[in-house]
N, C-alpha and C. Protein backbone atom coordinates (compact mmCIF):
# COMPACT_ATOMS: atom_id res chain seq x y z
N CYS A 1 55.68 2.85 -88.48
CA CYS A 1 56.64 3.13 -87.43
C CYS A 1 57.86 2.20 -87.61
N HIS A 2 59.04 2.75 -87.45
CA HIS A 2 60.27 1.96 -87.66
C HIS A 2 61.13 1.88 -86.40
N ASN A 3 60.65 2.40 -85.28
CA ASN A 3 61.44 2.37 -84.05
C ASN A 3 61.80 0.95 -83.66
N GLY A 4 63.07 0.76 -83.31
CA GLY A 4 63.55 -0.53 -82.87
C GLY A 4 63.86 -1.51 -83.98
N LYS A 5 63.69 -1.13 -85.22
CA LYS A 5 63.96 -2.03 -86.34
C LYS A 5 65.40 -1.88 -86.81
N MET A 6 65.92 -2.96 -87.36
CA MET A 6 67.25 -2.95 -87.95
C MET A 6 67.15 -2.41 -89.37
N ALA A 7 68.19 -1.69 -89.79
CA ALA A 7 68.22 -1.12 -91.13
C ALA A 7 69.67 -0.98 -91.57
N ASN A 8 69.86 -0.81 -92.86
CA ASN A 8 71.19 -0.57 -93.43
C ASN A 8 71.22 0.82 -94.01
N ILE A 9 72.35 1.51 -93.80
CA ILE A 9 72.51 2.84 -94.37
C ILE A 9 72.80 2.72 -95.85
N VAL A 10 72.04 3.46 -96.65
CA VAL A 10 72.20 3.46 -98.10
C VAL A 10 73.07 4.63 -98.53
N SER A 11 72.81 5.81 -97.94
CA SER A 11 73.57 7.01 -98.30
C SER A 11 73.38 8.08 -97.23
N TYR A 12 74.12 9.18 -97.40
CA TYR A 12 74.01 10.32 -96.49
C TYR A 12 73.83 11.57 -97.32
N ASP A 13 72.89 12.42 -96.93
CA ASP A 13 72.63 13.69 -97.59
C ASP A 13 73.10 14.82 -96.68
N PRO A 14 74.29 15.39 -96.95
CA PRO A 14 74.83 16.42 -96.06
C PRO A 14 73.99 17.71 -96.03
N GLN A 15 73.31 18.03 -97.12
CA GLN A 15 72.47 19.23 -97.12
C GLN A 15 71.30 19.09 -96.15
N ARG A 16 70.68 17.93 -96.14
CA ARG A 16 69.54 17.68 -95.25
C ARG A 16 69.97 17.12 -93.90
N GLU A 17 71.26 16.73 -93.80
CA GLU A 17 71.79 16.09 -92.60
C GLU A 17 70.96 14.88 -92.21
N ARG A 18 70.71 14.03 -93.20
CA ARG A 18 69.90 12.83 -93.01
C ARG A 18 70.59 11.62 -93.66
N TYR A 19 70.45 10.48 -92.99
CA TYR A 19 70.87 9.21 -93.58
C TYR A 19 69.67 8.60 -94.28
N GLN A 20 69.90 8.04 -95.45
CA GLN A 20 68.88 7.27 -96.16
C GLN A 20 69.11 5.83 -95.75
N VAL A 21 68.13 5.20 -95.10
CA VAL A 21 68.28 3.83 -94.63
C VAL A 21 67.21 2.94 -95.24
N ARG A 22 67.56 1.67 -95.41
CA ARG A 22 66.61 0.66 -95.90
C ARG A 22 66.32 -0.28 -94.73
N VAL A 23 65.06 -0.34 -94.35
CA VAL A 23 64.63 -1.18 -93.25
C VAL A 23 64.75 -2.64 -93.66
N ASP A 24 65.35 -3.46 -92.77
CA ASP A 24 65.53 -4.89 -93.06
C ASP A 24 64.20 -5.54 -93.44
N GLY A 25 64.25 -6.41 -94.44
CA GLY A 25 63.07 -7.13 -94.88
C GLY A 25 62.12 -6.28 -95.70
N SER A 26 62.60 -5.14 -96.17
CA SER A 26 61.73 -4.23 -96.91
C SER A 26 62.54 -3.55 -98.01
N ARG A 27 61.84 -3.03 -98.99
CA ARG A 27 62.50 -2.21 -100.02
C ARG A 27 62.36 -0.73 -99.70
N GLU A 28 61.62 -0.45 -98.64
CA GLU A 28 61.33 0.92 -98.26
C GLU A 28 62.59 1.61 -97.71
N GLU A 29 62.81 2.84 -98.17
CA GLU A 29 63.90 3.66 -97.66
C GLU A 29 63.31 4.83 -96.90
N VAL A 30 64.00 5.22 -95.83
CA VAL A 30 63.53 6.29 -94.96
C VAL A 30 64.69 7.24 -94.70
N ALA A 31 64.43 8.55 -94.68
CA ALA A 31 65.44 9.55 -94.33
C ALA A 31 65.39 9.76 -92.81
N VAL A 32 66.56 9.61 -92.16
CA VAL A 32 66.61 9.63 -90.70
C VAL A 32 67.75 10.53 -90.22
N LYS A 33 67.49 11.32 -89.16
CA LYS A 33 68.54 12.12 -88.52
C LYS A 33 69.49 11.18 -87.78
N LYS A 34 70.75 11.59 -87.66
CA LYS A 34 71.73 10.77 -86.96
C LYS A 34 71.30 10.49 -85.53
N ASP A 35 70.71 11.49 -84.86
CA ASP A 35 70.30 11.31 -83.47
C ASP A 35 69.19 10.27 -83.30
N ASN A 36 68.56 9.87 -84.40
CA ASN A 36 67.50 8.87 -84.34
C ASN A 36 67.97 7.48 -84.76
N LEU A 37 69.30 7.34 -84.91
CA LEU A 37 69.89 6.04 -85.26
C LEU A 37 70.75 5.55 -84.11
N LEU A 38 70.83 4.25 -83.94
CA LEU A 38 71.75 3.65 -83.00
C LEU A 38 72.53 2.60 -83.78
N GLN A 39 73.83 2.79 -83.84
CA GLN A 39 74.70 1.87 -84.58
C GLN A 39 74.75 0.52 -83.86
N ALA A 40 74.62 -0.54 -84.60
CA ALA A 40 74.75 -1.89 -84.05
C ALA A 40 76.23 -2.21 -83.97
N ALA A 41 76.90 -1.61 -83.00
CA ALA A 41 78.36 -1.67 -82.88
C ALA A 41 78.82 -2.95 -82.20
N ARG A 42 79.95 -3.47 -82.68
CA ARG A 42 80.61 -4.60 -82.03
C ARG A 42 81.37 -4.07 -80.82
N VAL A 43 81.28 -4.80 -79.70
CA VAL A 43 81.93 -4.37 -78.46
C VAL A 43 82.52 -5.56 -77.72
N GLU A 44 83.44 -5.23 -76.81
CA GLU A 44 83.96 -6.20 -75.84
C GLU A 44 83.55 -5.68 -74.47
N VAL A 45 83.09 -6.56 -73.61
CA VAL A 45 82.71 -6.18 -72.25
C VAL A 45 83.98 -6.11 -71.40
N VAL A 46 84.13 -5.01 -70.65
CA VAL A 46 85.33 -4.81 -69.83
C VAL A 46 84.96 -4.19 -68.47
N GLY A 47 85.77 -4.47 -67.48
CA GLY A 47 85.70 -3.77 -66.20
C GLY A 47 84.53 -4.07 -65.30
N LEU A 48 83.79 -5.15 -65.55
CA LEU A 48 82.69 -5.49 -64.64
C LEU A 48 83.28 -6.08 -63.36
N GLU A 49 82.77 -5.63 -62.21
CA GLU A 49 83.27 -6.13 -60.93
C GLU A 49 82.36 -7.18 -60.32
N ARG A 50 81.06 -7.08 -60.56
CA ARG A 50 80.12 -8.04 -59.98
C ARG A 50 79.90 -9.26 -60.88
N GLN A 51 79.86 -9.03 -62.17
CA GLN A 51 79.63 -10.13 -63.12
C GLN A 51 80.89 -10.32 -63.97
N VAL A 52 81.99 -10.63 -63.30
CA VAL A 52 83.29 -10.73 -63.96
C VAL A 52 83.33 -11.78 -65.06
N LYS A 53 82.44 -12.76 -65.00
CA LYS A 53 82.45 -13.82 -66.01
C LYS A 53 82.17 -13.28 -67.41
N TYR A 54 81.58 -12.08 -67.50
CA TYR A 54 81.28 -11.50 -68.81
C TYR A 54 82.43 -10.66 -69.37
N ASN A 55 83.40 -10.30 -68.52
CA ASN A 55 84.54 -9.52 -69.01
C ASN A 55 85.27 -10.29 -70.11
N GLY A 56 85.60 -9.58 -71.18
CA GLY A 56 86.30 -10.18 -72.30
C GLY A 56 85.38 -10.77 -73.36
N GLN A 57 84.09 -10.89 -73.06
CA GLN A 57 83.15 -11.43 -74.04
C GLN A 57 82.79 -10.38 -75.08
N GLN A 58 82.53 -10.86 -76.28
CA GLN A 58 82.17 -10.00 -77.40
C GLN A 58 80.65 -9.98 -77.56
N GLY A 59 80.16 -8.88 -78.11
CA GLY A 59 78.73 -8.78 -78.36
C GLY A 59 78.43 -7.63 -79.29
N MET A 60 77.12 -7.33 -79.41
CA MET A 60 76.66 -6.26 -80.28
C MET A 60 75.66 -5.39 -79.54
N VAL A 61 75.82 -4.07 -79.70
CA VAL A 61 74.84 -3.14 -79.14
C VAL A 61 73.56 -3.31 -79.95
N VAL A 62 72.44 -3.57 -79.25
CA VAL A 62 71.18 -3.81 -79.96
C VAL A 62 70.13 -2.75 -79.68
N SER A 63 70.26 -2.00 -78.57
CA SER A 63 69.29 -0.95 -78.28
C SER A 63 69.78 -0.09 -77.13
N GLU A 64 69.07 1.01 -76.92
CA GLU A 64 69.34 1.84 -75.75
C GLU A 64 68.50 1.30 -74.61
N ALA A 65 69.07 1.30 -73.40
CA ALA A 65 68.36 0.83 -72.22
C ALA A 65 68.16 2.02 -71.28
N GLN A 66 67.51 1.80 -70.18
CA GLN A 66 67.25 2.87 -69.22
C GLN A 66 68.53 3.33 -68.53
N GLY A 67 68.52 4.56 -68.06
CA GLY A 67 69.63 5.08 -67.28
C GLY A 67 70.90 5.33 -68.07
N GLY A 68 70.77 5.63 -69.36
CA GLY A 68 71.94 5.90 -70.17
C GLY A 68 72.76 4.67 -70.50
N ARG A 69 72.18 3.52 -70.34
CA ARG A 69 72.88 2.27 -70.65
C ARG A 69 72.58 1.82 -72.07
N LEU A 70 73.42 0.92 -72.55
CA LEU A 70 73.20 0.30 -73.86
C LEU A 70 72.96 -1.19 -73.65
N SER A 71 72.01 -1.72 -74.37
CA SER A 71 71.71 -3.13 -74.29
C SER A 71 72.62 -3.87 -75.26
N VAL A 72 73.38 -4.83 -74.73
CA VAL A 72 74.36 -5.58 -75.52
C VAL A 72 74.00 -7.06 -75.51
N ARG A 73 73.87 -7.63 -76.69
CA ARG A 73 73.61 -9.07 -76.82
C ARG A 73 74.95 -9.75 -77.03
N LEU A 74 75.31 -10.62 -76.08
CA LEU A 74 76.58 -11.32 -76.16
C LEU A 74 76.53 -12.41 -77.22
N ASP A 75 77.69 -12.68 -77.83
CA ASP A 75 77.76 -13.69 -78.89
C ASP A 75 77.50 -15.09 -78.36
N GLN A 76 77.90 -15.36 -77.11
CA GLN A 76 77.74 -16.69 -76.54
C GLN A 76 76.68 -16.67 -75.45
N GLY A 77 75.82 -17.66 -75.48
CA GLY A 77 74.88 -17.86 -74.39
C GLY A 77 73.57 -17.10 -74.48
N GLN A 78 73.33 -16.36 -75.56
CA GLN A 78 72.06 -15.63 -75.72
C GLN A 78 71.77 -14.71 -74.54
N VAL A 79 72.83 -14.15 -73.94
CA VAL A 79 72.68 -13.23 -72.80
C VAL A 79 72.63 -11.81 -73.32
N GLU A 80 71.73 -11.00 -72.73
CA GLU A 80 71.67 -9.58 -73.06
C GLU A 80 71.89 -8.79 -71.76
N LEU A 81 72.86 -7.86 -71.81
CA LEU A 81 73.21 -7.06 -70.64
C LEU A 81 72.96 -5.59 -70.92
N ALA A 82 72.53 -4.84 -69.90
CA ALA A 82 72.40 -3.39 -69.99
C ALA A 82 73.63 -2.79 -69.32
N LEU A 83 74.52 -2.19 -70.12
CA LEU A 83 75.81 -1.74 -69.62
C LEU A 83 76.03 -0.25 -69.88
N THR A 84 76.78 0.37 -68.97
CA THR A 84 77.19 1.76 -69.19
C THR A 84 78.34 1.76 -70.19
N PHE A 85 78.54 2.89 -70.82
CA PHE A 85 79.55 3.04 -71.86
C PHE A 85 80.95 2.68 -71.36
N GLU A 86 81.22 2.95 -70.08
CA GLU A 86 82.55 2.67 -69.52
C GLU A 86 82.88 1.18 -69.50
N HIS A 87 81.87 0.32 -69.62
CA HIS A 87 82.10 -1.12 -69.62
C HIS A 87 82.09 -1.73 -71.01
N LEU A 88 82.19 -0.86 -72.02
CA LEU A 88 82.19 -1.32 -73.40
C LEU A 88 83.46 -0.86 -74.10
N LEU A 89 84.13 -1.75 -74.76
CA LEU A 89 85.28 -1.41 -75.58
C LEU A 89 84.83 -1.53 -77.03
N LEU A 90 84.73 -0.37 -77.69
CA LEU A 90 84.26 -0.34 -79.08
C LEU A 90 85.35 -0.87 -80.00
N GLN A 91 84.93 -1.58 -81.03
CA GLN A 91 85.86 -2.22 -81.95
C GLN A 91 86.25 -1.29 -83.09
N PRO A 92 87.43 -1.52 -83.71
CA PRO A 92 87.84 -0.71 -84.87
C PRO A 92 86.77 -0.72 -85.95
N GLY A 93 86.59 0.43 -86.58
CA GLY A 93 85.59 0.58 -87.62
C GLY A 93 84.30 1.20 -87.12
N THR A 94 84.13 1.27 -85.80
CA THR A 94 82.93 1.87 -85.23
C THR A 94 82.96 3.38 -85.47
N ARG A 95 81.83 3.92 -85.94
CA ARG A 95 81.70 5.37 -86.15
C ARG A 95 81.24 5.99 -84.85
N VAL A 96 81.92 7.07 -84.46
CA VAL A 96 81.59 7.74 -83.21
C VAL A 96 81.48 9.25 -83.43
N THR A 97 80.76 9.89 -82.51
CA THR A 97 80.63 11.34 -82.51
C THR A 97 81.44 11.87 -81.34
N LEU A 98 82.24 12.91 -81.58
CA LEU A 98 83.06 13.50 -80.54
C LEU A 98 82.23 14.43 -79.68
N GLN A 99 82.54 14.46 -78.37
CA GLN A 99 81.78 15.28 -77.43
C GLN A 99 82.65 15.70 -76.25
N ASN A 100 82.22 16.75 -75.56
CA ASN A 100 82.82 17.21 -74.30
C ASN A 100 84.32 17.51 -74.41
N LEU A 101 84.74 18.01 -75.57
CA LEU A 101 86.15 18.34 -75.76
C LEU A 101 86.38 19.83 -75.50
N SER A 102 87.55 20.16 -74.98
CA SER A 102 87.86 21.57 -74.72
C SER A 102 88.03 22.35 -76.02
N LYS A 103 88.51 21.69 -77.07
CA LYS A 103 88.58 22.32 -78.39
C LYS A 103 87.20 22.17 -79.02
N LEU A 104 86.37 23.17 -78.84
CA LEU A 104 84.96 23.10 -79.21
C LEU A 104 84.71 22.77 -80.67
N GLU A 105 85.65 23.12 -81.56
CA GLU A 105 85.45 22.86 -82.99
C GLU A 105 85.38 21.36 -83.30
N TYR A 106 85.85 20.50 -82.39
CA TYR A 106 85.80 19.06 -82.61
C TYR A 106 84.48 18.44 -82.14
N ASN A 107 83.80 19.09 -81.21
CA ASN A 107 82.54 18.53 -80.70
C ASN A 107 81.52 18.40 -81.83
N GLY A 108 80.90 17.23 -81.92
CA GLY A 108 79.92 16.97 -82.97
C GLY A 108 80.51 16.36 -84.23
N LYS A 109 81.84 16.37 -84.36
CA LYS A 109 82.48 15.75 -85.54
C LYS A 109 82.33 14.23 -85.44
N ILE A 110 82.31 13.59 -86.61
CA ILE A 110 82.17 12.14 -86.68
C ILE A 110 83.47 11.54 -87.19
N GLY A 111 83.89 10.45 -86.56
CA GLY A 111 85.11 9.77 -86.97
C GLY A 111 84.98 8.26 -86.83
N ASN A 112 86.02 7.56 -87.23
CA ASN A 112 86.08 6.09 -87.15
C ASN A 112 87.14 5.68 -86.14
N ILE A 113 86.79 4.74 -85.27
CA ILE A 113 87.78 4.20 -84.35
C ILE A 113 88.74 3.33 -85.15
N THR A 114 90.04 3.57 -84.97
CA THR A 114 91.04 2.72 -85.63
C THR A 114 91.64 1.72 -84.65
N SER A 115 91.70 2.09 -83.35
CA SER A 115 92.24 1.17 -82.34
C SER A 115 91.98 1.75 -80.95
N PHE A 116 92.34 0.97 -79.94
CA PHE A 116 92.24 1.41 -78.55
C PHE A 116 93.57 1.14 -77.88
N ASP A 117 94.14 2.15 -77.26
CA ASP A 117 95.40 2.02 -76.53
C ASP A 117 95.04 1.69 -75.08
N ARG A 118 95.13 0.41 -74.71
CA ARG A 118 94.73 -0.01 -73.37
C ARG A 118 95.59 0.63 -72.29
N GLY A 119 96.86 0.82 -72.56
CA GLY A 119 97.76 1.44 -71.58
C GLY A 119 97.38 2.88 -71.27
N ALA A 120 97.03 3.64 -72.30
CA ALA A 120 96.65 5.04 -72.13
C ALA A 120 95.16 5.21 -71.88
N GLY A 121 94.38 4.15 -72.15
CA GLY A 121 92.93 4.23 -71.98
C GLY A 121 92.27 5.17 -72.97
N ARG A 122 92.81 5.22 -74.20
CA ARG A 122 92.28 6.15 -75.21
C ARG A 122 92.05 5.44 -76.54
N TYR A 123 91.00 5.94 -77.21
CA TYR A 123 90.70 5.49 -78.56
C TYR A 123 91.47 6.35 -79.55
N LEU A 124 91.94 5.73 -80.63
CA LEU A 124 92.46 6.48 -81.76
C LEU A 124 91.30 6.62 -82.73
N VAL A 125 90.90 7.87 -83.00
CA VAL A 125 89.75 8.14 -83.84
C VAL A 125 90.20 8.94 -85.05
N GLU A 126 89.96 8.39 -86.23
CA GLU A 126 90.34 9.04 -87.49
C GLU A 126 89.19 9.92 -87.97
N LEU A 127 89.48 11.23 -88.05
CA LEU A 127 88.51 12.17 -88.61
C LEU A 127 88.70 12.27 -90.12
N THR A 128 89.97 12.37 -90.53
CA THR A 128 90.36 12.34 -91.94
C THR A 128 91.63 11.51 -92.01
N LYS A 129 92.10 11.21 -93.21
CA LYS A 129 93.34 10.43 -93.34
C LYS A 129 94.52 11.14 -92.67
N GLN A 130 94.47 12.47 -92.64
CA GLN A 130 95.55 13.26 -92.06
C GLN A 130 95.33 13.60 -90.59
N GLN A 131 94.15 13.33 -90.06
CA GLN A 131 93.83 13.78 -88.71
C GLN A 131 93.29 12.63 -87.86
N VAL A 132 94.13 12.19 -86.90
CA VAL A 132 93.75 11.14 -85.97
C VAL A 132 93.92 11.69 -84.56
N LEU A 133 92.89 11.55 -83.74
CA LEU A 133 92.92 12.06 -82.37
C LEU A 133 92.93 10.90 -81.38
N LYS A 134 93.62 11.11 -80.23
CA LYS A 134 93.58 10.15 -79.13
C LYS A 134 92.57 10.68 -78.12
N LEU A 135 91.48 9.92 -77.90
CA LEU A 135 90.39 10.41 -77.09
C LEU A 135 90.01 9.45 -75.96
N LYS A 136 89.66 10.04 -74.82
CA LYS A 136 89.15 9.26 -73.70
C LYS A 136 87.75 8.76 -74.07
N PRO A 137 87.33 7.64 -73.46
CA PRO A 137 85.99 7.11 -73.75
C PRO A 137 84.86 8.12 -73.50
N GLU A 138 85.01 8.99 -72.51
CA GLU A 138 83.95 9.97 -72.24
C GLU A 138 83.86 11.06 -73.30
N ASN A 139 84.81 11.08 -74.22
CA ASN A 139 84.80 12.10 -75.27
C ASN A 139 84.23 11.58 -76.60
N ILE A 140 83.64 10.38 -76.56
CA ILE A 140 82.99 9.85 -77.76
C ILE A 140 81.64 9.23 -77.38
N ARG A 141 80.77 9.12 -78.39
CA ARG A 141 79.49 8.41 -78.22
C ARG A 141 79.12 7.78 -79.54
N LEU A 142 78.27 6.77 -79.46
CA LEU A 142 77.79 6.11 -80.69
C LEU A 142 76.86 7.03 -81.44
């Protein structure tokens, strides 16, 4: 069983729609569906009203938590928080899947975050070198 273990992506097989991953501390490789992976994404905590001391702190998504939350381990203080997506600012380079878009052909596409426009509240997501979309946080997922 490999649930909850850290791994590195080795390759992607588009025909099988599977990532080949190597489990940390092992030479074993496993073929895994994207829906069975959780990216260890770098994030900044934003918009907390009750625990404002954590706003602006950096951390890493380490697991899924209950209620649609993500468990984030902060870089300082060994604190782990269960946060909703709206309280996470994903960092450039994070791979995301597009969702809930009115242009249905974009739903399910995968892209890379290049930046976040704080004024507009939108991520710039590169699908190809020629195609960059400005998306609301609710239109992407890890």
